[in-house]
Protein backbone atom coordinates (compact mmCIF):
# COMPACT_ATOMS: atom_id res chain seq x y z
CA UNK A 1 -124.20 -119.68 -20.87
CA UNK A 2 -122.88 -117.17 -23.65
CA UNK A 3 -122.88 -113.66 -23.56
CA UNK A 4 -124.17 -111.20 -25.99
CA UNK A 5 -121.53 -109.32 -27.42
CA UNK A 6 -121.30 -105.89 -26.84
CA UNK A 7 -121.98 -103.74 -29.57
CA UNK A 8 -121.16 -99.91 -30.32
CA UNK A 9 -124.34 -97.68 -29.70
CA UNK A 10 -125.02 -95.30 -32.13
CA UNK A 11 -123.79 -97.99 -34.14
CA UNK A 12 -123.21 -95.35 -37.18
CA UNK A 13 -121.16 -93.24 -35.62
CA UNK A 14 -118.63 -96.10 -33.95
CA UNK A 15 -118.73 -97.12 -37.69
CA UNK A 16 -117.43 -93.92 -38.81
CA UNK A 17 -114.95 -92.94 -36.46
CA UNK A 18 -113.65 -96.40 -36.42
CA UNK A 19 -113.51 -96.70 -40.26
CA UNK A 20 -111.65 -92.94 -40.58
CA UNK A 21 -109.23 -93.97 -38.74
CA UNK A 22 -108.54 -97.15 -40.78
CA UNK A 23 -108.61 -95.26 -43.90
CA UNK A 24 -106.56 -92.11 -42.30
CA UNK A 25 -104.04 -94.68 -41.46
CA UNK A 26 -104.03 -96.22 -44.88
CA UNK A 27 -103.70 -93.31 -46.63
CA UNK A 28 -101.19 -91.89 -44.20
CA UNK A 29 -99.04 -95.16 -44.90
CA UNK A 30 -99.34 -94.56 -48.63
CA UNK A 31 -98.14 -91.23 -47.91
CA UNK A 32 -95.24 -92.15 -46.28
CA UNK A 33 -93.49 -94.50 -48.60
CA UNK A 34 -94.28 -91.56 -51.55
CA UNK A 35 -92.69 -89.03 -49.45
CA UNK A 36 -89.46 -90.88 -49.17
CA UNK A 37 -89.15 -92.53 -52.65
CA UNK A 38 -90.14 -88.83 -53.66
CA UNK A 39 -86.85 -87.78 -51.57
CA UNK A 40 -88.52 -85.60 -49.01
CA UNK A 41 -87.55 -85.78 -45.45
CA UNK A 42 -87.18 -89.29 -43.96
CA UNK A 43 -88.68 -88.13 -40.53
CA UNK A 44 -91.58 -87.23 -42.02
CA UNK A 45 -91.85 -90.56 -44.43
CA UNK A 46 -91.29 -92.67 -41.50
CA UNK A 47 -93.07 -90.87 -39.19
CA UNK A 48 -96.69 -91.27 -41.48
CA UNK A 49 -95.82 -94.77 -41.95
CA UNK A 50 -95.71 -95.87 -38.36
CA UNK A 51 -98.72 -93.44 -37.97
CA UNK A 52 -99.96 -96.01 -41.24
CA UNK A 53 -99.94 -99.15 -39.67
CA UNK A 54 -101.19 -98.01 -35.99
CA UNK A 55 -103.90 -96.66 -37.16
CA UNK A 56 -105.76 -99.28 -38.36
CA UNK A 57 -104.12 -101.75 -35.22
CA UNK A 58 -106.02 -99.24 -33.32
CA UNK A 59 -109.01 -99.17 -34.34
CA UNK A 60 -109.17 -102.87 -34.70
CA UNK A 61 -108.86 -103.18 -30.48
CA UNK A 62 -110.91 -99.68 -29.99
CA UNK A 63 -113.48 -101.80 -31.68
CA UNK A 64 -113.08 -104.73 -29.18
CA UNK A 65 -113.92 -102.01 -26.47
CA UNK A 66 -110.24 -101.63 -25.56
CA UNK A 67 -109.93 -98.04 -23.89
CA UNK A 68 -106.20 -98.30 -23.92
CA UNK A 69 -106.73 -98.56 -27.42
CA UNK A 70 -109.11 -96.20 -28.13
CA UNK A 71 -107.20 -93.12 -25.97
CA UNK A 72 -104.41 -93.35 -28.38
CA UNK A 73 -105.99 -93.80 -31.48
CA UNK A 74 -107.75 -90.30 -30.33
CA UNK A 75 -104.47 -88.52 -28.71
CA UNK A 76 -102.75 -89.63 -32.24
CA UNK A 77 -105.82 -88.15 -34.51
CA UNK A 78 -105.63 -85.14 -32.20
CA UNK A 79 -101.72 -84.58 -32.70
CA UNK A 80 -101.97 -85.41 -36.11
CA UNK A 81 -104.41 -83.02 -36.45
CA UNK A 82 -102.39 -80.34 -35.27
CA UNK A 83 -99.19 -81.05 -36.64
CA UNK A 84 -101.38 -80.35 -40.14
CA UNK A 85 -102.85 -77.98 -39.29
CA UNK A 86 -100.17 -75.80 -38.62
CA UNK A 87 -97.89 -77.46 -41.39
CA UNK A 88 -100.54 -76.98 -43.90
CA UNK A 89 -98.76 -74.03 -45.59
CA UNK A 90 -96.23 -76.03 -45.69
CA UNK A 91 -97.83 -78.59 -47.21
CA UNK A 92 -100.10 -76.51 -49.62
CA UNK A 93 -96.49 -75.19 -50.83
CA UNK A 94 -94.84 -78.51 -51.26
CA UNK A 95 -97.27 -80.06 -52.96
CA UNK A 96 -98.39 -76.93 -55.13
CA UNK A 97 -101.82 -77.20 -54.52
CA UNK A 98 -104.14 -74.71 -52.79
CA UNK A 99 -104.03 -73.82 -49.17
CA UNK A 100 -107.69 -75.12 -48.93
CA UNK A 101 -107.42 -78.08 -49.97
CA UNK A 102 -104.65 -78.54 -47.37
CA UNK A 103 -106.92 -77.85 -44.71
CA UNK A 104 -109.12 -81.28 -45.80
CA UNK A 105 -106.48 -83.29 -43.89
CA UNK A 106 -107.11 -81.61 -40.51
CA UNK A 107 -110.81 -81.27 -40.77
CA UNK A 108 -111.16 -84.96 -41.93
CA UNK A 109 -109.01 -85.89 -38.96
CA UNK A 110 -111.02 -83.52 -36.22
CA UNK A 111 -114.18 -85.09 -37.94
CA UNK A 112 -112.76 -88.84 -36.85
CA UNK A 113 -111.96 -87.27 -33.37
CA UNK A 114 -115.09 -86.26 -32.94
CA UNK A 115 -117.08 -89.57 -34.28
CA UNK A 116 -115.03 -91.51 -31.37
CA UNK A 117 -115.22 -89.22 -28.72
CA UNK A 118 -118.38 -89.76 -29.03
CA UNK A 119 -118.76 -92.85 -28.20
CA UNK A 120 -116.77 -92.18 -24.72
CA UNK A 121 -119.70 -93.74 -22.28
CA UNK A 122 -119.04 -96.85 -24.04
CA UNK A 123 -115.66 -97.24 -22.72
CA UNK A 124 -116.16 -97.09 -18.96
CA UNK A 125 -115.74 -99.93 -17.40
């Protein structure tokens, strides 16, 4: 007898949270490459590339109900949000954009954290 596959409930929130994590990861990877090409600090570029690879992998395993991947993804997004929030003035000055625009990054990260944290009841085993 085959067991029915587990599905996320509510499905829209689960999809939104996991897709946001993958998009954030892809954007981080591209930003890491751009940072290395533009001779920005190497630590920043490598860190962004590591996060860019790690978040989609964690989202994949979290989608398959891995509690460890889910919690590591949320904690990584929280730390990334804190760093980008307090680093927003530096990001704005470096990229020559307004502070308001640079604050969009941590806001998107916090929205992803909230969407993923809303799924906490599904990861109890």
